[in-house]
C-alpha cells in the first residue's frame, strides 16, 4: 500500500530541494527522517516535514507500522513564481524570480494491494 504527503508552495527553489530529495529514495522512512535531521540545509527541513506527515498519514489513516515503511519516491515539482524587482544602477530595475516548490513523498510498505 502506498501513502502520500504533499507540501505545496514551499518557498525554495526546486533545484535546491531536488538535491536533497534524491538522497532519501529507497531508504526506510525512519532512517530517512534521521538522515534528513543531520543535513544542515533548509531544503532538508522541508522534506523532513513532508516525510513525517506521510508517516503520520500511514499510521493514522491506514494503520501501518512506521518501521515497515520505505520511501518509494520523493520528487519536487516547480510551483508558482513570484516576480519582483529590485532597484539597480542608473535608475533601472533588475528582475528577481522567487521560485516555489511542490514536494511529494510517497511511502510504501512493500506489499502490493
Protein backbone atom coordinates (compact mmCIF):
# COMPACT_ATOMS: atom_id res chain seq x y z
CA UNK A 1 0.00 0.00 0.00
CA UNK A 2 1.22 3.47 -0.82
CA UNK A 3 0.81 6.59 1.28
CA UNK A 4 1.40 10.12 0.00
CA UNK A 5 2.09 13.53 1.54
CA UNK A 6 2.42 16.77 -0.42
CA UNK A 7 3.76 20.16 0.63
CA UNK A 8 2.72 22.89 -1.75
CA UNK A 9 4.23 26.35 -2.31
CA UNK A 10 7.38 25.78 -0.24
CA UNK A 11 9.41 28.98 -0.63
CA UNK A 12 12.59 27.46 -2.03
CA UNK A 13 13.91 26.81 -5.50
CA UNK A 14 13.06 23.30 -6.79
CA UNK A 15 16.64 22.78 -7.92
CA UNK A 16 17.90 23.16 -4.35
CA UNK A 17 15.24 20.85 -2.92
CA UNK A 18 15.78 18.13 -5.56
CA UNK A 19 19.42 17.69 -4.50
CA UNK A 20 18.30 16.52 -1.06
CA UNK A 21 15.17 14.67 -2.21
CA UNK A 22 17.24 12.33 -4.39
CA UNK A 23 19.22 11.11 -1.38
CA UNK A 24 16.31 9.56 0.55
CA UNK A 25 14.68 7.45 -2.18
CA UNK A 26 14.85 3.76 -1.27
CA UNK A 27 15.64 4.28 2.43
CA UNK A 28 13.47 3.15 5.32
CA UNK A 29 11.22 6.02 6.42
CA UNK A 30 12.57 6.28 9.99
CA UNK A 31 16.16 6.09 8.74
CA UNK A 32 15.46 8.79 6.13
CA UNK A 33 13.98 11.08 8.78
CA UNK A 34 17.08 10.71 10.98
CA UNK A 35 19.30 11.27 7.94
CA UNK A 36 17.47 14.48 6.98
CA UNK A 37 17.72 15.82 10.53
CA UNK A 38 21.52 15.80 10.19
CA UNK A 39 21.67 17.74 6.92
CA UNK A 40 22.18 21.48 7.61
CA UNK A 41 20.01 22.81 4.77
CA UNK A 42 16.59 24.43 4.70
CA UNK A 43 15.51 22.01 1.98
CA UNK A 44 16.22 19.05 4.29
CA UNK A 45 13.88 20.55 6.90
CA UNK A 46 11.11 20.99 4.32
CA UNK A 47 11.45 17.41 3.06
CA UNK A 48 11.63 16.03 6.61
CA UNK A 49 8.40 17.83 7.49
CA UNK A 50 6.69 16.27 4.46
CA UNK A 51 8.15 12.83 5.28
CA UNK A 52 6.86 12.99 8.86
CA UNK A 53 3.43 13.93 7.52
CA UNK A 54 3.47 10.89 5.23
CA UNK A 55 4.45 8.64 8.15
CA UNK A 56 1.61 10.09 10.26
CA UNK A 57 -0.83 9.53 7.37
CA UNK A 58 0.25 5.89 7.15
CA UNK A 59 -0.11 5.30 10.89
CA UNK A 60 -3.40 7.14 11.43
CA UNK A 61 -5.30 6.58 8.18
CA UNK A 62 -4.05 3.16 7.05
CA UNK A 63 -2.97 1.52 10.35
CA UNK A 64 0.55 0.79 9.06
CA UNK A 65 3.65 0.47 11.21
CA UNK A 66 6.29 3.17 10.66
CA UNK A 67 9.05 0.55 10.90
CA UNK A 68 7.84 -1.24 7.76
CA UNK A 69 7.62 1.89 5.57
CA UNK A 70 10.10 2.63 2.79
CA UNK A 71 10.45 5.86 0.79
CA UNK A 72 9.32 4.75 -2.66
CA UNK A 73 9.80 8.13 -4.32
CA UNK A 74 10.43 11.71 -3.29
CA UNK A 75 10.13 14.26 -6.04
CA UNK A 76 9.89 18.02 -6.38
CA UNK A 77 7.87 19.99 -8.93
CA UNK A 78 8.07 23.68 -9.71
CA UNK A 79 5.40 25.83 -8.13
CA UNK A 80 4.37 29.41 -8.87
CA UNK A 81 6.99 32.13 -9.28
CA UNK A 82 6.80 35.49 -7.53
CA UNK A 83 8.07 38.17 -9.89
CA UNK A 84 9.69 41.05 -8.06
CA UNK A 85 12.01 43.92 -8.99
CA UNK A 86 14.98 45.40 -7.20
CA UNK A 87 16.48 48.82 -7.80
CA UNK A 88 19.59 48.65 -9.96
CA UNK A 89 22.22 51.07 -11.30
CA UNK A 90 21.31 54.30 -13.09
CA UNK A 91 17.63 54.25 -12.12
CA UNK A 92 16.82 50.90 -13.71
CA UNK A 93 15.15 47.85 -12.19
CA UNK A 94 16.53 44.31 -12.06
CA UNK A 95 14.03 41.42 -12.05
CA UNK A 96 14.01 38.84 -9.25
CA UNK A 97 12.25 35.49 -9.65
CA UNK A 98 11.34 33.95 -6.30
CA UNK A 99 10.59 30.31 -7.04
CA UNK A 100 8.41 27.90 -5.09
CA UNK A 101 8.30 24.11 -4.93
CA UNK A 102 5.74 21.35 -4.53
CA UNK A 103 7.32 18.48 -2.54
CA UNK A 104 5.79 15.00 -2.81
CA UNK A 105 6.84 11.98 -0.72
CA UNK A 106 5.40 8.53 -1.44
CA UNK A 107 5.88 5.76 1.13
CA UNK A 108 5.30 2.06 0.55
CA UNK A 109 5.03 -0.89 2.90
CA UNK A 110 6.42 -3.26 0.27
CA UNK A 111 3.16 -5.10 -0.33
CA UNK A 112 1.15 -4.58 -3.49
CA UNK A 113 -2.55 -4.04 -2.97
